[in-house]
């Protein structure tokens, strides 16, 4: 069974298509049946039916194909330039009415709606960046949306690194050993570093310490683009302080030590329990599902010798594990 033909652009001709087209150029013709598995050759106009025998396909000269494609590209560019002229003509009288300078036209805070618009704005900001990218990634995206977001982020992150910039990212401890997250960093080439904490702020992206992006709703369909220097400075200061408290994760991971038989994860849970949080709240704060959080709570109770939830709080306080946390 042959592999299905995947859609691609003409400038990225598939291997099977290239081989058949080269053969057609050498031999003059190929049977049409052989092109059924590579429909791109006919779709892009590289092969066409022979006049005297439609069962055969003959190649169109490469120079003819190239000229046709360049002409089409030129027409698209001309269309875009005409569109730019129409936009300029439409907005020019409005800008005269507004009367503000170009520097004042950029809003300090903008609301972005929809994943496509949000990603476009982030991509545009990163394309102008050359020094640093700071990100907080609570890792809340799941399923197809997560994979799409990561695919977009990989390309623009690598482009930024290629310009000599650096990337620093904060994650929660729950993803310290995630194969997906670690594989992402193994693929990136450049000055990239990641650390982790038990708890994080919501998602944050800051480029060159001048533009920040933060969520504006729960499901991630709205975001704020922030350019106000005071607000961006506040975000950067918060990031820097969290970074100093975080545990190195990549490129060199630091092992988080246990204390009196209680793991760092259990100590984080103990902190939230003595503050009166429910199992569901503990799970949400630490990026766990409720079942996993309850399993850690049960193990913590076993380690401390607790027989009830009320007793667990008392034993946590008496054990000193919260007083001796690593700083």
Foldseek 3Di string as FASTA:
>chain_A
DDDADDDDDPVCQDPLLVVVLVVLVVVFKDFVVSCPRPVVCVVLQQWAADPVGSRIIHGDDPVVSVVVVVVVVVVVVVVVVVVVVVVCVVCVVVCVVVVDDPVVVDDQKDKAFAPVRVLVVVLVLLVPFAAEKEKECAPPDDDPVVVVVLVSCLVSVLVNQVSVYEYEYEYAPVCLPPPVVVVSVVPRDHHYWYFYHQFDDAIWMAGPLAWIKGADDDVRRMIMIGRPNVVSVVVVVVRVVVVVVTATRPPDGDDFDADLPQGPLLLQLLVVVLVPDDLCVSCVRRVHHSVVSVVSVVVQCVSQVHDDSVVSNVSSVVVCPNVPHDD
